[in-house]
Amino acid sequence: MVCIAPRPERLLALKQQIERETPGAQVTIATNPDPYVGDADLIVTTTSSLTGKVIDIDRLKPGAVVCDVARPPDVREEDAARRPDVLGDRIRRDSAARRA
């Protein structure tokens, strides 16, 4: 598991809690997602970032699943449209709602 956030001090506490509650868990913490998103099978975004992209959707591996529960969304619909091979929960639901 890789946990990423802009402030490393919050990540350290989360890492310690996960490792304490889940013996044997391997947790990596980082402040930059770019080195990790290309290998991820599942990405969950929960930010409240208003400053731009949290993940670069073009770096995702084919077949990756993105669960974007952030508000505002972290993955813009126009970015997701460039990657039909990537499954995104919020992306697909919002697109379907607009077509209905």
Protein backbone atom coordinates (compact mmCIF):
# COMPACT_ATOMS: atom_id res chain seq x y z
CA MET A 1 0.00 0.00 0.00
CA VAL A 2 1.20 3.47 -0.88
CA CYS A 3 -0.25 6.49 0.94
CA ILE A 4 0.35 9.89 -0.59
CA ALA A 5 -0.35 13.34 0.80
CA PRO A 6 1.26 16.76 0.52
CA ARG A 7 2.19 16.86 4.22
CA PRO A 8 4.43 13.97 5.31
CA GLU A 9 3.80 14.45 9.05
CA ARG A 10 0.19 13.26 8.63
CA LEU A 11 1.31 10.31 6.54
CA LEU A 12 3.69 9.02 9.17
CA ALA A 13 0.92 8.75 11.76
CA LEU A 14 -1.34 6.95 9.25
CA LYS A 15 1.46 4.54 8.31
CA GLN A 16 2.10 3.70 11.96
CA GLN A 17 -1.60 3.14 12.63
CA ILE A 18 -2.05 0.84 9.62
CA GLU A 19 1.04 -1.19 10.53
CA ARG A 20 -0.07 -1.43 14.16
CA GLU A 21 -3.59 -2.58 13.25
CA THR A 22 -2.55 -4.82 10.34
CA PRO A 23 0.55 -6.86 11.22
CA GLY A 24 2.59 -7.64 8.14
CA ALA A 25 1.22 -4.69 6.14
CA GLN A 26 3.81 -3.00 3.99
CA VAL A 27 3.07 0.71 3.85
CA THR A 28 5.04 3.23 1.82
CA ILE A 29 4.46 6.94 2.28
CA ALA A 30 5.25 9.67 -0.23
CA THR A 31 4.36 13.22 -1.14
CA ASN A 32 4.47 12.75 -4.93
CA PRO A 33 2.16 10.20 -6.63
CA ASP A 34 3.96 10.14 -9.98
CA PRO A 35 6.43 7.32 -9.23
CA TYR A 36 3.58 5.06 -8.03
CA VAL A 37 0.48 5.62 -10.18
CA GLY A 38 1.86 3.69 -13.14
CA ASP A 39 2.02 0.47 -11.10
CA ALA A 40 -1.23 0.87 -9.16
CA ASP A 41 -4.20 -1.43 -9.76
CA LEU A 42 -6.48 0.68 -7.57
CA ILE A 43 -6.32 4.37 -6.72
CA VAL A 44 -8.64 6.00 -4.20
CA THR A 45 -8.62 9.79 -4.09
CA THR A 46 -10.15 11.59 -1.14
CA THR A 47 -8.65 15.05 -1.33
CA SER A 48 -10.23 18.45 -1.25
CA SER A 49 -7.61 19.90 -3.56
CA LEU A 50 -8.60 23.03 -5.40
CA THR A 51 -5.18 23.63 -6.92
CA GLY A 52 -5.18 21.25 -9.86
CA LYS A 53 -4.50 17.68 -10.76
CA VAL A 54 -3.86 15.22 -7.95
CA ILE A 55 -2.98 12.37 -10.29
CA ASP A 56 -1.88 12.42 -13.91
CA ILE A 57 -4.39 10.09 -15.57
CA ASP A 58 -2.03 9.62 -18.52
CA ARG A 59 0.43 7.85 -16.18
CA LEU A 60 -2.10 5.19 -15.07
CA LYS A 61 -1.55 1.66 -16.25
CA PRO A 62 -4.15 0.11 -18.56
CA GLY A 63 -7.07 -1.35 -16.64
CA ALA A 64 -6.43 0.66 -13.48
CA VAL A 65 -9.45 1.46 -11.31
CA VAL A 66 -9.87 4.97 -9.91
CA CYS A 67 -12.36 5.57 -7.12
CA ASP A 68 -12.62 9.33 -6.95
CA VAL A 69 -14.60 10.26 -3.86
CA ALA A 70 -13.07 13.73 -3.64
CA ARG A 71 -15.19 16.85 -3.86
CA PRO A 72 -14.48 18.63 -6.08
CA PRO A 73 -13.47 15.58 -8.13
CA ASP A 74 -9.74 14.97 -8.56
CA VAL A 75 -10.12 13.56 -12.07
CA ARG A 76 -11.77 15.86 -14.55
CA GLU A 77 -14.21 14.25 -16.97
CA GLU A 78 -12.30 15.50 -20.02
CA ASP A 79 -9.13 13.85 -18.69
CA ALA A 80 -10.96 10.59 -18.06
CA ALA A 81 -12.37 10.64 -21.60
CA ARG A 82 -8.82 10.28 -22.93
CA ARG A 83 -8.44 6.98 -21.04
CA PRO A 84 -11.42 4.69 -21.73
CA ASP A 85 -9.28 1.74 -20.53
CA VAL A 86 -9.29 3.17 -16.99
CA LEU A 87 -12.38 2.47 -14.90
CA GLY A 88 -13.41 5.34 -12.66
CA ASP A 89 -16.36 5.18 -10.30
CA ARG A 90 -17.23 8.87 -10.12
CA ILE A 91 -16.20 9.42 -13.72
CA ARG A 92 -18.63 6.88 -15.14
CA ARG A 93 -21.53 7.76 -12.81
CA ASP A 94 -21.35 11.47 -13.56
CA SER A 95 -21.10 10.86 -17.32
CA ALA A 96 -24.09 8.51 -17.28
CA ALA A 97 -26.18 10.98 -15.27
CA ARG A 98 -25.55 13.73 -17.82
CA ARG A 99 -26.55 11.46 -20.72
CA ALA A 100 -29.82 10.41 -19.05
